[in-house]
Amino acid sequence: MKMIIKILIISAISVFTLTTLNSMDYKSADFVGTWHGTISNSENEYKTTLVIYEDGFYIESSGSLMPGIYPDTQTFEFDAETNRLHFKYLQIVYAGRKTYTHIFYELISFENGNLEAHYNFWDDEEPNPDFGVLKLKKEGTLDVAESTNIIDRQLVRVVNSMGIEVSPETKNEFLIFQYDDGSIEKKIIMP
């Protein structure tokens, strides 16, 4: 009898825990802002800056979540039901048909301006951190040492999508900002 009661209590706790994790009250708007951190997998780690706008448009500096050919096609949303961040962009247009890339990260932790999410293709039972991990801090919550490194870096050059060096003030064009610490940022400056 004691064994059955223990199993029932443990099962009830497990169900309560799963319900609590899946019923987070986050919305896409909670992720709007500028985030600094890393995007990594089992082989590589890249510094990145992710900017999410109110309309769902986003830019990301490492290039891991950005289109290679069609700039300005990326959108972001958070799905509270699946607890996943969804990044989408136009990958290919062939014979009039558009093919989009969808990248999903399951939210692992999100508090005090810190975010950790693990790659989760479609709706796998478990996220796959070997394939991808986002660790980000929202701008304004950076440690002093980290913010100093970002401020101290120097711009080396700015190139457009064709690799031609252009002015950093160039508007309405996909730009790649290259810095002396080896980092890059991809930007589109709106008028």
Protein backbone atom coordinates (compact mmCIF):
# COMPACT_ATOMS: atom_id res chain seq x y z
CA MET A 1 0.00 0.00 0.00
CA LYS A 2 2.85 2.43 0.87
CA MET A 3 4.49 1.71 -2.50
CA ILE A 4 1.31 2.60 -4.42
CA ILE A 5 0.84 5.84 -2.47
CA LYS A 6 4.47 6.88 -3.11
CA ILE A 7 4.08 6.23 -6.83
CA LEU A 8 0.84 8.22 -6.94
CA ILE A 9 2.46 11.16 -5.10
CA ILE A 10 5.52 11.12 -7.38
CA SER A 11 3.25 10.91 -10.45
CA ALA A 12 1.15 13.83 -9.20
CA ILE A 13 4.29 15.92 -8.59
CA SER A 14 5.59 15.07 -12.10
CA VAL A 15 2.30 16.06 -13.72
CA PHE A 16 2.24 19.33 -11.71
CA THR A 17 5.84 20.11 -12.73
CA LEU A 18 5.16 19.48 -16.43
CA THR A 19 2.02 21.60 -16.29
CA THR A 20 3.92 24.43 -14.61
CA LEU A 21 6.74 24.38 -17.20
CA ASN A 22 4.35 24.35 -20.17
CA SER A 23 2.05 27.07 -18.87
CA MET A 24 4.55 29.93 -18.76
CA ASP A 25 2.94 33.29 -19.38
CA TYR A 26 5.61 34.60 -21.76
CA LYS A 27 4.69 36.29 -25.01
CA SER A 28 6.77 37.22 -28.05
CA ALA A 29 6.83 40.80 -26.71
CA ASP A 30 8.83 39.61 -23.65
CA PHE A 31 11.77 38.87 -25.96
CA VAL A 32 11.79 42.22 -27.76
CA GLY A 33 15.11 44.02 -27.30
CA THR A 34 18.83 43.59 -27.82
CA TRP A 35 20.50 40.44 -26.50
CA HIS A 36 24.23 39.67 -26.25
CA GLY A 37 25.79 36.26 -25.65
CA THR A 38 26.68 33.08 -27.47
CA ILE A 39 25.20 30.61 -29.88
CA SER A 40 26.94 27.26 -29.80
CA ASN A 41 26.82 23.59 -30.68
CA SER A 42 29.00 20.62 -29.71
CA GLU A 43 31.81 21.85 -32.00
CA ASN A 44 31.69 25.66 -32.09
CA GLU A 45 30.73 28.69 -30.05
CA TYR A 46 30.13 32.14 -31.54
CA LYS A 47 29.59 35.48 -29.89
CA THR A 48 26.35 36.98 -31.07
CA THR A 49 24.03 39.93 -30.76
CA LEU A 50 20.35 39.25 -31.38
CA VAL A 51 17.95 42.15 -31.84
CA ILE A 52 14.22 41.36 -31.82
CA TYR A 53 11.84 44.13 -32.88
CA GLU A 54 8.22 44.63 -31.82
CA ASP A 55 6.90 43.62 -35.25
CA GLY A 56 8.70 40.22 -35.03
CA PHE A 57 11.58 41.16 -37.34
CA TYR A 58 15.02 40.20 -35.99
CA ILE A 59 18.71 40.43 -36.85
CA GLU A 60 21.49 38.22 -35.49
CA SER A 61 25.21 38.92 -35.81
CA SER A 62 26.77 35.42 -36.03
CA GLY A 63 24.76 34.53 -39.13
CA SER A 64 23.47 31.30 -37.57
CA LEU A 65 19.85 32.48 -37.52
CA MET A 66 19.93 34.74 -40.59
CA PRO A 67 19.22 34.25 -44.31
CA GLY A 68 22.20 34.02 -46.59
CA ILE A 69 20.49 35.31 -49.72
CA TYR A 70 17.24 37.11 -48.87
CA PRO A 71 17.74 39.80 -46.22
CA ASP A 72 14.70 41.32 -44.53
CA THR A 73 12.72 38.04 -44.61
CA GLN A 74 13.36 36.91 -41.04
CA THR A 75 10.62 36.75 -38.39
CA PHE A 76 10.56 35.72 -34.73
CA GLU A 77 7.79 34.48 -32.47
CA PHE A 78 7.47 32.68 -29.15
CA ASP A 79 5.00 29.80 -28.91
CA ALA A 80 3.86 29.52 -25.28
CA GLU A 81 2.19 26.14 -25.89
CA THR A 82 5.42 24.45 -26.96
CA ASN A 83 7.70 26.78 -24.97
CA ARG A 84 9.80 27.40 -28.07
CA LEU A 85 11.44 30.36 -29.77
CA HIS A 86 10.77 30.22 -33.52
CA PHE A 87 13.13 31.87 -36.00
CA LYS A 88 12.03 31.81 -39.66
CA TYR A 89 13.52 33.21 -42.87
CA LEU A 90 13.26 32.82 -46.64
CA GLN A 91 15.93 30.37 -47.81
CA ILE A 92 15.24 29.76 -51.51
CA VAL A 93 12.92 30.96 -54.26
CA TYR A 94 12.84 28.47 -57.13
CA ALA A 95 10.32 28.60 -59.99
CA GLY A 96 8.19 31.01 -58.00
CA ARG A 97 8.05 28.73 -54.94
CA LYS A 98 9.37 29.99 -51.63
CA THR A 99 11.12 27.69 -49.18
CA TYR A 100 11.54 28.89 -45.61
CA THR A 101 13.99 27.77 -42.96
CA HIS A 102 12.50 27.25 -39.49
CA ILE A 103 14.76 27.10 -36.43
CA PHE A 104 13.29 26.23 -33.04
CA TYR A 105 14.88 26.65 -29.62
CA GLU A 106 13.13 25.37 -26.49
CA LEU A 107 13.27 27.81 -23.60
CA ILE A 108 15.23 26.25 -20.74
CA SER A 109 15.50 29.29 -18.46
CA PHE A 110 14.42 32.91 -18.70
CA GLU A 111 14.81 35.21 -15.73
CA ASN A 112 16.44 38.50 -14.74
CA GLY A 113 17.36 39.32 -18.32
CA ASN A 114 19.12 35.97 -18.85
CA LEU A 115 17.94 33.47 -21.42
CA GLU A 116 19.03 29.93 -22.20
CA ALA A 117 17.40 27.91 -24.97
CA HIS A 118 18.30 24.56 -26.54
CA TYR A 119 17.70 23.58 -30.15
CA ASN A 120 14.49 21.57 -30.63
CA PHE A 121 13.59 20.59 -34.19
CA TRP A 122 9.82 20.77 -34.64
CA ASP A 123 8.52 19.19 -31.45
CA ASP A 124 11.02 16.56 -30.32
CA GLU A 125 10.44 15.16 -26.83
CA GLU A 126 13.78 16.53 -25.63
CA PRO A 127 15.76 19.52 -26.90
CA ASN A 128 19.16 18.81 -28.44
CA PRO A 129 21.87 21.02 -26.87
CA ASP A 130 24.58 19.26 -28.92
CA PHE A 131 23.06 20.84 -32.01
CA GLY A 132 22.42 24.31 -30.58
CA VAL A 133 22.40 26.39 -27.40
CA LEU A 134 21.52 30.07 -27.07
CA LYS A 135 22.84 31.81 -23.94
CA LEU A 136 21.89 35.47 -23.99
CA LYS A 137 21.65 38.47 -21.68
CA LYS A 138 19.31 41.30 -22.45
CA GLU A 139 21.05 44.62 -23.02
CA GLY A 140 21.04 46.61 -19.81
CA THR A 141 21.71 43.49 -17.73
CA LEU A 142 25.28 42.84 -18.89
CA ASP A 143 28.11 42.38 -16.41
CA VAL A 144 30.55 45.29 -16.26
CA ALA A 145 33.41 43.23 -17.76
CA GLU A 146 31.26 42.05 -20.68
CA SER A 147 29.88 45.49 -21.48
CA THR A 148 33.41 46.94 -21.41
CA ASN A 149 34.53 44.40 -24.05
CA ILE A 150 31.63 45.33 -26.34
CA ILE A 151 32.25 49.07 -25.93
CA ASP A 152 36.04 48.80 -26.41
CA ARG A 153 35.98 46.97 -29.72
CA GLN A 154 36.80 49.01 -32.80
CA LEU A 155 35.07 48.92 -36.16
CA VAL A 156 37.49 47.67 -38.85
CA ARG A 157 35.25 47.96 -41.91
CA VAL A 158 31.70 47.73 -43.24
CA VAL A 159 30.80 45.75 -46.36
CA ASN A 160 27.52 45.18 -48.20
CA SER A 161 26.15 41.80 -49.31
CA MET A 162 28.42 41.91 -52.38
CA GLY A 163 31.55 42.34 -50.22
CA ILE A 164 32.07 45.94 -51.30
CA GLU A 165 33.25 48.30 -48.57
CA VAL A 166 30.62 50.97 -47.81
CA SER A 167 29.95 53.74 -45.31
CA PRO A 168 28.60 52.66 -41.88
CA GLU A 169 25.72 55.12 -42.42
CA THR A 170 24.47 53.36 -45.59
CA LYS A 171 20.69 52.92 -45.32
CA ASN A 172 18.28 50.28 -46.63
CA GLU A 173 21.03 47.82 -47.46
CA PHE A 174 22.22 44.63 -45.78
CA LEU A 175 25.55 45.51 -44.09
CA ILE A 176 28.21 43.46 -42.32
CA PHE A 177 30.15 45.34 -39.62
CA GLN A 178 33.56 43.75 -38.90
CA TYR A 179 35.32 44.52 -35.60
CA ASP A 180 38.92 44.20 -34.41
CA ASP A 181 38.00 41.46 -31.89
CA GLY A 182 36.94 39.19 -34.78
CA SER A 183 33.21 39.64 -34.20
CA ILE A 184 30.78 40.70 -36.89
CA GLU A 185 27.32 42.22 -36.84
CA LYS A 186 24.80 42.07 -39.64
CA LYS A 187 22.59 45.16 -39.79
CA ILE A 188 20.08 46.92 -41.92
CA ILE A 189 19.88 50.62 -41.04
CA MET A 190 16.41 51.97 -41.62
CA PRO A 191 15.87 55.63 -42.60
